[in-house]
């Protein structure tokens, strides 16, 4: 790991310190976790859905599926 400095507003640092105290973790650990979740999160590899075909009806008619036998 490498050391770095970050400038935070007083209220940001206070909130971060409270969150660290509540979670029993260090401020640095929370910052690293936030960076991994927000900045380094993996991008989706394609459509993320249950259905990958063309829709048969518009979303406003979604209940019409119950009309078909």
C-alpha atoms as a PDB file:
ATOM      1  CA  UNK A   1       0.000   0.000   0.000  1.00  0.00           C
ATOM      2  CA  UNK A   2       1.001   3.582  -0.520  1.00  0.00           C
ATOM      3  CA  UNK A   3       0.239   6.506   1.739  1.00  0.00           C
ATOM      4  CA  UNK A   4      -1.697   9.503   0.427  1.00  0.00           C
ATOM      5  CA  UNK A   5      -3.374  12.610   1.805  1.00  0.00           C
ATOM      6  CA  UNK A   6      -6.934  13.717   1.199  1.00  0.00           C
ATOM      7  CA  UNK A   7      -8.468  17.059   2.082  1.00  0.00           C
ATOM      8  CA  UNK A   8     -11.950  16.750   3.582  1.00  0.00           C
ATOM      9  CA  UNK A   9     -14.339  19.327   4.945  1.00  0.00           C
ATOM     10  CA  UNK A  10     -14.655  19.296   8.719  1.00  0.00           C
ATOM     11  CA  UNK A  11     -18.165  17.785   8.619  1.00  0.00           C
ATOM     12  CA  UNK A  12     -17.070  15.077   6.164  1.00  0.00           C
ATOM     13  CA  UNK A  13     -14.220  14.013   8.406  1.00  0.00           C
ATOM     14  CA  UNK A  14     -16.454  14.065  11.491  1.00  0.00           C
ATOM     15  CA  UNK A  15     -19.034  11.877   9.749  1.00  0.00           C
ATOM     16  CA  UNK A  16     -16.319   9.507   8.562  1.00  0.00           C
ATOM     17  CA  UNK A  17     -14.880   9.219  12.061  1.00  0.00           C
ATOM     18  CA  UNK A  18     -18.348   8.494  13.522  1.00  0.00           C
ATOM     19  CA  UNK A  19     -18.967   5.819  10.888  1.00  0.00           C
ATOM     20  CA  UNK A  20     -15.592   4.254  11.659  1.00  0.00           C
ATOM     21  CA  UNK A  21     -16.321   4.223  15.380  1.00  0.00           C
ATOM     22  CA  UNK A  22     -19.768   2.669  14.819  1.00  0.00           C
ATOM     23  CA  UNK A  23     -18.400  -0.041  12.563  1.00  0.00           C
ATOM     24  CA  UNK A  24     -15.278  -0.756  14.610  1.00  0.00           C
ATOM     25  CA  UNK A  25     -13.058  -0.109  11.600  1.00  0.00           C
ATOM     26  CA  UNK A  26     -10.493   2.541  10.815  1.00  0.00           C
ATOM     27  CA  UNK A  27     -11.129   5.670   8.775  1.00  0.00           C
ATOM     28  CA  UNK A  28      -8.575   4.446   6.238  1.00  0.00           C
ATOM     29  CA  UNK A  29     -10.379   1.133   5.885  1.00  0.00           C
ATOM     30  CA  UNK A  30     -13.690   2.884   5.201  1.00  0.00           C
ATOM     31  CA  UNK A  31     -12.059   5.131   2.599  1.00  0.00           C
ATOM     32  CA  UNK A  32     -10.470   2.149   0.833  1.00  0.00           C
ATOM     33  CA  UNK A  33     -13.796   0.289   0.846  1.00  0.00           C
ATOM     34  CA  UNK A  34     -15.622   3.314  -0.591  1.00  0.00           C
ATOM     35  CA  UNK A  35     -13.044   3.629  -3.372  1.00  0.00           C
ATOM     36  CA  UNK A  36     -13.400  -0.060  -4.241  1.00  0.00           C
ATOM     37  CA  UNK A  37     -17.210   0.148  -4.294  1.00  0.00           C
ATOM     38  CA  UNK A  38     -17.567   3.422  -6.193  1.00  0.00           C
ATOM     39  CA  UNK A  39     -14.473   3.987  -8.297  1.00  0.00           C
ATOM     40  CA  UNK A  40     -13.171   0.481  -8.923  1.00  0.00           C
ATOM     41  CA  UNK A  41     -16.472  -1.383  -9.197  1.00  0.00           C
ATOM     42  CA  UNK A  42     -16.563  -3.738 -12.169  1.00  0.00           C
ATOM     43  CA  UNK A  43     -18.752  -2.704 -15.062  1.00  0.00           C
ATOM     44  CA  UNK A  44     -21.589  -4.926 -16.171  1.00  0.00           C
ATOM     45  CA  UNK A  45     -20.654  -7.301 -18.954  1.00  0.00           C
ATOM     46  CA  UNK A  46     -23.755  -7.038 -21.092  1.00  0.00           C
ATOM     47  CA  UNK A  47     -27.476  -6.861 -20.425  1.00  0.00           C
ATOM     48  CA  UNK A  48     -28.498  -7.423 -16.863  1.00  0.00           C
ATOM     49  CA  UNK A  49     -32.006  -8.786 -17.110  1.00  0.00           C
ATOM     50  CA  UNK A  50     -34.044 -11.945 -16.879  1.00  0.00           C
ATOM     51  CA  UNK A  51     -35.389 -11.512 -20.407  1.00  0.00           C
ATOM     52  CA  UNK A  52     -33.051 -10.904 -23.338  1.00  0.00           C
ATOM     53  CA  UNK A  53     -35.507 -11.134 -26.257  1.00  0.00           C
ATOM     54  CA  UNK A  54     -37.557  -8.407 -27.905  1.00  0.00           C
ATOM     55  CA  UNK A  55     -40.537  -7.326 -25.779  1.00  0.00           C
ATOM     56  CA  UNK A  56     -43.934  -8.507 -27.033  1.00  0.00           C
ATOM     57  CA  UNK A  57     -45.819  -5.555 -25.543  1.00  0.00           C
ATOM     58  CA  UNK A  58     -44.999  -2.133 -24.083  1.00  0.00           C
ATOM     59  CA  UNK A  59     -44.534  -1.789 -20.350  1.00  0.00           C
ATOM     60  CA  UNK A  60     -47.873   0.029 -19.959  1.00  0.00           C
ATOM     61  CA  UNK A  61     -49.572  -3.225 -21.038  1.00  0.00           C
ATOM     62  CA  UNK A  62     -47.641  -5.428 -18.619  1.00  0.00           C
ATOM     63  CA  UNK A  63     -50.812  -6.917 -17.089  1.00  0.00           C
ATOM     64  CA  UNK A  64     -52.045  -8.111 -20.486  1.00  0.00           C
ATOM     65  CA  UNK A  65     -49.829 -11.167 -20.136  1.00  0.00           C
ATOM     66  CA  UNK A  66     -52.524 -12.565 -17.838  1.00  0.00           C
ATOM     67  CA  UNK A  67     -55.120 -12.224 -20.616  1.00  0.00           C
ATOM     68  CA  UNK A  68     -53.495 -14.875 -22.824  1.00  0.00           C
ATOM     69  CA  UNK A  69     -54.290 -18.572 -22.216  1.00  0.00           C
END
